[in-house]
């Protein structure tokens, strides 16, 4: 286990130190959830066009539950179960980290940004793939970019991101199945 943790630190330092001031603005933009609102609005539009007003309401409720689940599960892992310091706070790592975030939380395992973006990518990709051919791939790429931003700005290790992706994918699949069931029960009945 110690070897895996050491590899995670080394990979983090390598990836984090690839950054340059030229790209800092882009990665800070990509990590900020507020700036993703136009994407969310476009996705809601597609859900409305495909599933109608009732389907949009179901979608909003399912997505709210999905994001709450990823956020609360991430907080449980970070602050109760693992309490692993973020790289920007870890002795022996923080001194070598290119930290550009506005703040650094205490604990980082696992990345909530990675989990919620991957959960949304899987949910959206699965729910809209029959009508929008490339949506699944586009959403996965978007999730990868959001997730890498967490390493770039200095607040998460690659292991935090990978775990977030795995948990997010599972929750996204579950949300998709719930959405399908609710749509079938209340819209197509």
C-alpha atoms as a PDB file:
ATOM      1  CA  UNK A   1       0.000   0.000   0.000  1.00  0.00           C
ATOM      2  CA  UNK A   2       2.852   2.384   0.818  1.00  0.00           C
ATOM      3  CA  UNK A   3       4.269   1.861  -2.691  1.00  0.00           C
ATOM      4  CA  UNK A   4       0.907   2.750  -4.223  1.00  0.00           C
ATOM      5  CA  UNK A   5       0.660   5.917  -2.113  1.00  0.00           C
ATOM      6  CA  UNK A   6       4.210   6.887  -3.082  1.00  0.00           C
ATOM      7  CA  UNK A   7       3.426   6.302  -6.771  1.00  0.00           C
ATOM      8  CA  UNK A   8       0.299   8.464  -6.389  1.00  0.00           C
ATOM      9  CA  UNK A   9       2.413  11.291  -4.924  1.00  0.00           C
ATOM     10  CA  UNK A  10       5.054  11.008  -7.645  1.00  0.00           C
ATOM     11  CA  UNK A  11       2.466  10.956 -10.436  1.00  0.00           C
ATOM     12  CA  UNK A  12       0.711  13.937  -8.855  1.00  0.00           C
ATOM     13  CA  UNK A  13       3.945  15.955  -8.703  1.00  0.00           C
ATOM     14  CA  UNK A  14       4.754  15.088 -12.314  1.00  0.00           C
ATOM     15  CA  UNK A  15       1.298  16.038 -13.636  1.00  0.00           C
ATOM     16  CA  UNK A  16       0.923  19.080 -11.392  1.00  0.00           C
ATOM     17  CA  UNK A  17       4.304  20.482 -12.363  1.00  0.00           C
ATOM     18  CA  UNK A  18       3.498  20.270 -16.086  1.00  0.00           C
ATOM     19  CA  UNK A  19       1.446  23.426 -15.518  1.00  0.00           C
ATOM     20  CA  UNK A  20       2.411  26.861 -16.777  1.00  0.00           C
ATOM     21  CA  UNK A  21       1.040  30.321 -16.102  1.00  0.00           C
ATOM     22  CA  UNK A  22      -0.188  30.353 -19.706  1.00  0.00           C
ATOM     23  CA  UNK A  23      -2.734  27.618 -18.917  1.00  0.00           C
ATOM     24  CA  UNK A  24      -3.591  28.527 -15.315  1.00  0.00           C
ATOM     25  CA  UNK A  25      -6.656  30.568 -16.256  1.00  0.00           C
ATOM     26  CA  UNK A  26      -8.132  27.765 -18.351  1.00  0.00           C
ATOM     27  CA  UNK A  27      -7.721  25.138 -15.614  1.00  0.00           C
ATOM     28  CA  UNK A  28      -9.064  27.466 -12.920  1.00  0.00           C
ATOM     29  CA  UNK A  29     -12.077  28.074 -15.175  1.00  0.00           C
ATOM     30  CA  UNK A  30     -12.615  24.333 -15.717  1.00  0.00           C
ATOM     31  CA  UNK A  31     -12.479  23.531 -11.999  1.00  0.00           C
ATOM     32  CA  UNK A  32     -15.089  26.142 -11.062  1.00  0.00           C
ATOM     33  CA  UNK A  33     -18.574  24.591 -10.995  1.00  0.00           C
ATOM     34  CA  UNK A  34     -20.253  27.988 -11.482  1.00  0.00           C
ATOM     35  CA  UNK A  35     -18.768  28.308 -14.987  1.00  0.00           C
ATOM     36  CA  UNK A  36     -20.334  25.005 -16.027  1.00  0.00           C
ATOM     37  CA  UNK A  37     -23.858  26.470 -15.843  1.00  0.00           C
ATOM     38  CA  UNK A  38     -24.144  27.028 -19.643  1.00  0.00           C
ATOM     39  CA  UNK A  39     -23.392  23.322 -20.187  1.00  0.00           C
ATOM     40  CA  UNK A  40     -26.025  22.358 -17.626  1.00  0.00           C
ATOM     41  CA  UNK A  41     -28.561  24.664 -19.301  1.00  0.00           C
ATOM     42  CA  UNK A  42     -27.927  23.052 -22.710  1.00  0.00           C
ATOM     43  CA  UNK A  43     -28.297  19.579 -21.197  1.00  0.00           C
ATOM     44  CA  UNK A  44     -31.569  20.560 -19.506  1.00  0.00           C
ATOM     45  CA  UNK A  45     -32.811  21.868 -22.849  1.00  0.00           C
ATOM     46  CA  UNK A  46     -32.101  18.464 -24.452  1.00  0.00           C
ATOM     47  CA  UNK A  47     -33.861  16.643 -21.620  1.00  0.00           C
ATOM     48  CA  UNK A  48     -36.857  18.942 -22.078  1.00  0.00           C
ATOM     49  CA  UNK A  49     -36.956  18.385 -25.856  1.00  0.00           C
ATOM     50  CA  UNK A  50     -36.664  14.605 -25.502  1.00  0.00           C
ATOM     51  CA  UNK A  51     -38.733  13.913 -22.372  1.00  0.00           C
ATOM     52  CA  UNK A  52     -41.054  16.932 -22.143  1.00  0.00           C
ATOM     53  CA  UNK A  53     -41.912  19.049 -19.080  1.00  0.00           C
ATOM     54  CA  UNK A  54     -42.650  16.109 -16.758  1.00  0.00           C
ATOM     55  CA  UNK A  55     -39.496  14.361 -17.907  1.00  0.00           C
ATOM     56  CA  UNK A  56     -37.490  17.509 -17.243  1.00  0.00           C
ATOM     57  CA  UNK A  57     -38.858  17.671 -13.696  1.00  0.00           C
ATOM     58  CA  UNK A  58     -37.960  14.009 -13.153  1.00  0.00           C
ATOM     59  CA  UNK A  59     -34.491  14.691 -14.576  1.00  0.00           C
ATOM     60  CA  UNK A  60     -33.913  17.662 -12.262  1.00  0.00           C
ATOM     61  CA  UNK A  61     -34.952  15.607  -9.228  1.00  0.00           C
ATOM     62  CA  UNK A  62     -32.757  12.649 -10.215  1.00  0.00           C
ATOM     63  CA  UNK A  63     -29.750  14.892 -10.935  1.00  0.00           C
ATOM     64  CA  UNK A  64     -30.230  16.729  -7.633  1.00  0.00           C
ATOM     65  CA  UNK A  65     -30.227  13.376  -5.808  1.00  0.00           C
ATOM     66  CA  UNK A  66     -27.203  12.234  -7.832  1.00  0.00           C
ATOM     67  CA  UNK A  67     -25.115  15.313  -7.067  1.00  0.00           C
ATOM     68  CA  UNK A  68     -26.143  15.200  -3.400  1.00  0.00           C
ATOM     69  CA  UNK A  69     -25.115  11.531  -3.217  1.00  0.00           C
ATOM     70  CA  UNK A  70     -21.688  12.135  -4.801  1.00  0.00           C
ATOM     71  CA  UNK A  71     -21.072  15.171  -2.614  1.00  0.00           C
ATOM     72  CA  UNK A  72     -22.080  13.537   0.657  1.00  0.00           C
ATOM     73  CA  UNK A  73     -20.257  10.285  -0.107  1.00  0.00           C
ATOM     74  CA  UNK A  74     -17.132  12.260  -0.970  1.00  0.00           C
ATOM     75  CA  UNK A  75     -17.405  14.204   2.305  1.00  0.00           C
ATOM     76  CA  UNK A  76     -17.847  10.956   4.255  1.00  0.00           C
ATOM     77  CA  UNK A  77     -14.726   9.460   2.677  1.00  0.00           C
ATOM     78  CA  UNK A  78     -12.706  12.679   3.070  1.00  0.00           C
ATOM     79  CA  UNK A  79     -13.622  13.790   6.551  1.00  0.00           C
ATOM     80  CA  UNK A  80     -14.617  10.606   8.403  1.00  0.00           C
ATOM     81  CA  UNK A  81     -13.202   7.464   6.829  1.00  0.00           C
ATOM     82  CA  UNK A  82      -9.808   8.373   5.331  1.00  0.00           C
ATOM     83  CA  UNK A  83      -8.845  11.935   6.302  1.00  0.00           C
ATOM     84  CA  UNK A  84      -5.936  11.916   3.825  1.00  0.00           C
ATOM     85  CA  UNK A  85      -4.427  15.407   3.566  1.00  0.00           C
ATOM     86  CA  UNK A  86      -4.699  17.076   0.199  1.00  0.00           C
ATOM     87  CA  UNK A  87      -1.396  17.483  -1.684  1.00  0.00           C
ATOM     88  CA  UNK A  88      -1.444  21.209  -0.947  1.00  0.00           C
ATOM     89  CA  UNK A  89      -1.353  20.324   2.773  1.00  0.00           C
ATOM     90  CA  UNK A  90       0.759  17.146   2.763  1.00  0.00           C
ATOM     91  CA  UNK A  91       4.230  17.353   4.224  1.00  0.00           C
ATOM     92  CA  UNK A  92       6.844  16.437   1.646  1.00  0.00           C
ATOM     93  CA  UNK A  93       4.451  17.171  -1.210  1.00  0.00           C
ATOM     94  CA  UNK A  94       3.084  20.680  -0.615  1.00  0.00           C
ATOM     95  CA  UNK A  95       6.572  22.193  -0.862  1.00  0.00           C
ATOM     96  CA  UNK A  96       6.902  20.784  -4.390  1.00  0.00           C
ATOM     97  CA  UNK A  97       3.322  21.451  -5.493  1.00  0.00           C
ATOM     98  CA  UNK A  98       2.399  24.105  -8.009  1.00  0.00           C
ATOM     99  CA  UNK A  99      -0.633  25.313  -6.030  1.00  0.00           C
ATOM    100  CA  UNK A 100      -2.834  27.822  -7.852  1.00  0.00           C
ATOM    101  CA  UNK A 101      -6.244  27.215  -6.269  1.00  0.00           C
ATOM    102  CA  UNK A 102      -7.878  29.940  -4.187  1.00  0.00           C
ATOM    103  CA  UNK A 103      -8.026  27.664  -1.161  1.00  0.00           C
ATOM    104  CA  UNK A 104      -7.005  24.222  -0.024  1.00  0.00           C
ATOM    105  CA  UNK A 105      -9.417  22.066   1.947  1.00  0.00           C
ATOM    106  CA  UNK A 106      -8.156  19.728   4.645  1.00  0.00           C
ATOM    107  CA  UNK A 107      -8.811  16.272   3.213  1.00  0.00           C
ATOM    108  CA  UNK A 108      -8.935  15.032  -0.357  1.00  0.00           C
ATOM    109  CA  UNK A 109      -9.707  11.330  -0.756  1.00  0.00           C
ATOM    110  CA  UNK A 110     -11.738  11.122  -3.005  1.00  0.00           C
ATOM    111  CA  UNK A 111     -12.403  13.985  -5.407  1.00  0.00           C
ATOM    112  CA  UNK A 112     -16.001  15.188  -5.282  1.00  0.00           C
ATOM    113  CA  UNK A 113     -15.510  17.139  -8.521  1.00  0.00           C
ATOM    114  CA  UNK A 114     -14.346  13.971 -10.287  1.00  0.00           C
ATOM    115  CA  UNK A 115     -17.183  11.898  -8.851  1.00  0.00           C
ATOM    116  CA  UNK A 116     -19.939  14.381  -9.649  1.00  0.00           C
ATOM    117  CA  UNK A 117     -18.663  15.168 -13.157  1.00  0.00           C
ATOM    118  CA  UNK A 118     -18.329  11.463 -14.005  1.00  0.00           C
ATOM    119  CA  UNK A 119     -21.716  10.697 -12.467  1.00  0.00           C
ATOM    120  CA  UNK A 120     -23.291  13.424 -14.588  1.00  0.00           C
ATOM    121  CA  UNK A 121     -21.358  12.235 -17.652  1.00  0.00           C
ATOM    122  CA  UNK A 122     -22.615   8.662 -17.273  1.00  0.00           C
ATOM    123  CA  UNK A 123     -26.162   9.685 -16.427  1.00  0.00           C
ATOM    124  CA  UNK A 124     -26.432  12.170 -19.290  1.00  0.00           C
ATOM    125  CA  UNK A 125     -24.537  10.018 -21.758  1.00  0.00           C
ATOM    126  CA  UNK A 126     -26.738   6.995 -21.110  1.00  0.00           C
ATOM    127  CA  UNK A 127     -30.007   8.936 -20.981  1.00  0.00           C
ATOM    128  CA  UNK A 128     -29.433  10.939 -24.178  1.00  0.00           C
ATOM    129  CA  UNK A 129     -27.291   8.594 -26.300  1.00  0.00           C
ATOM    130  CA  UNK A 130     -30.160   7.361 -28.484  1.00  0.00           C
ATOM    131  CA  UNK A 131     -30.947  10.899 -29.635  1.00  0.00           C
ATOM    132  CA  UNK A 132     -27.503  12.534 -29.437  1.00  0.00           C
ATOM    133  CA  UNK A 133     -24.929  10.253 -31.030  1.00  0.00           C
ATOM    134  CA  UNK A 134     -21.738  11.644 -29.457  1.00  0.00           C
ATOM    135  CA  UNK A 135     -23.067  12.905 -26.123  1.00  0.00           C
ATOM    136  CA  UNK A 136     -21.592  10.059 -24.075  1.00  0.00           C
ATOM    137  CA  UNK A 137     -18.068  10.588 -25.433  1.00  0.00           C
ATOM    138  CA  UNK A 138     -18.317  14.375 -25.113  1.00  0.00           C
ATOM    139  CA  UNK A 139     -19.477  14.149 -21.504  1.00  0.00           C
ATOM    140  CA  UNK A 140     -16.685  11.704 -20.590  1.00  0.00           C
ATOM    141  CA  UNK A 141     -14.100  14.046 -22.135  1.00  0.00           C
ATOM    142  CA  UNK A 142     -15.633  16.948 -20.198  1.00  0.00           C
ATOM    143  CA  UNK A 143     -15.391  14.909 -16.962  1.00  0.00           C
ATOM    144  CA  UNK A 144     -11.732  14.068 -17.671  1.00  0.00           C
ATOM    145  CA  UNK A 145     -10.954  17.768 -18.160  1.00  0.00           C
ATOM    146  CA  UNK A 146     -12.766  18.811 -14.974  1.00  0.00           C
ATOM    147  CA  UNK A 147     -11.019  16.031 -13.065  1.00  0.00           C
ATOM    148  CA  UNK A 148      -7.551  16.827 -14.371  1.00  0.00           C
ATOM    149  CA  UNK A 149      -8.089  20.438 -13.323  1.00  0.00           C
ATOM    150  CA  UNK A 150      -8.110  19.224  -9.707  1.00  0.00           C
ATOM    151  CA  UNK A 151      -4.601  17.802 -10.123  1.00  0.00           C
ATOM    152  CA  UNK A 152      -3.421  20.823 -12.099  1.00  0.00           C
ATOM    153  CA  UNK A 153      -4.469  23.354  -9.448  1.00  0.00           C
ATOM    154  CA  UNK A 154      -2.866  21.249  -6.706  1.00  0.00           C
ATOM    155  CA  UNK A 155      -5.757  19.948  -4.602  1.00  0.00           C
ATOM    156  CA  UNK A 156      -6.080  16.240  -5.535  1.00  0.00           C
ATOM    157  CA  UNK A 157      -3.872  13.243  -6.187  1.00  0.00           C
ATOM    158  CA  UNK A 158      -4.509  11.058  -9.266  1.00  0.00           C
ATOM    159  CA  UNK A 159      -5.803   8.320  -6.923  1.00  0.00           C
ATOM    160  CA  UNK A 160      -8.421  10.756  -5.601  1.00  0.00           C
ATOM    161  CA  UNK A 161      -9.531  11.392  -9.174  1.00  0.00           C
ATOM    162  CA  UNK A 162      -9.576   7.714 -10.207  1.00  0.00           C
ATOM    163  CA  UNK A 163     -11.645   6.755  -7.173  1.00  0.00           C
ATOM    164  CA  UNK A 164     -14.004   9.640  -7.910  1.00  0.00           C
ATOM    165  CA  UNK A 165     -14.422   8.417 -11.485  1.00  0.00           C
ATOM    166  CA  UNK A 166     -15.254   4.892 -10.345  1.00  0.00           C
ATOM    167  CA  UNK A 167     -17.768   5.965  -7.734  1.00  0.00           C
ATOM    168  CA  UNK A 168     -19.231   8.587 -10.063  1.00  0.00           C
ATOM    169  CA  UNK A 169     -19.665   6.057 -12.875  1.00  0.00           C
ATOM    170  CA  UNK A 170     -21.499   3.646 -10.563  1.00  0.00           C
ATOM    171  CA  UNK A 171     -23.764   6.366  -9.194  1.00  0.00           C
ATOM    172  CA  UNK A 172     -24.379   7.717 -12.706  1.00  0.00           C
ATOM    173  CA  UNK A 173     -25.476   4.280 -13.912  1.00  0.00           C
ATOM    174  CA  UNK A 174     -27.763   3.945 -10.905  1.00  0.00           C
ATOM    175  CA  UNK A 175     -29.268   7.373 -11.546  1.00  0.00           C
ATOM    176  CA  UNK A 176     -29.810   6.477 -15.197  1.00  0.00           C
ATOM    177  CA  UNK A 177     -31.703   3.327 -14.210  1.00  0.00           C
ATOM    178  CA  UNK A 178     -33.805   5.275 -11.705  1.00  0.00           C
ATOM    179  CA  UNK A 179     -34.501   7.910 -14.373  1.00  0.00           C
ATOM    180  CA  UNK A 180     -35.531   5.231 -16.880  1.00  0.00           C
ATOM    181  CA  UNK A 181     -37.881   3.655 -14.365  1.00  0.00           C
ATOM    182  CA  UNK A 182     -39.460   6.998 -13.419  1.00  0.00           C
ATOM    183  CA  UNK A 183     -39.857   8.049 -17.059  1.00  0.00           C
ATOM    184  CA  UNK A 184     -41.473   4.723 -17.904  1.00  0.00           C
ATOM    185  CA  UNK A 185     -43.753   4.858 -14.864  1.00  0.00           C
ATOM    186  CA  UNK A 186     -44.876   8.503 -15.096  1.00  0.00           C
ATOM    187  CA  UNK A 187     -44.402   9.579 -18.713  1.00  0.00           C
ATOM    188  CA  UNK A 188     -44.813   6.576 -20.997  1.00  0.00           C
ATOM    189  CA  UNK A 189     -47.573   4.902 -18.945  1.00  0.00           C
END
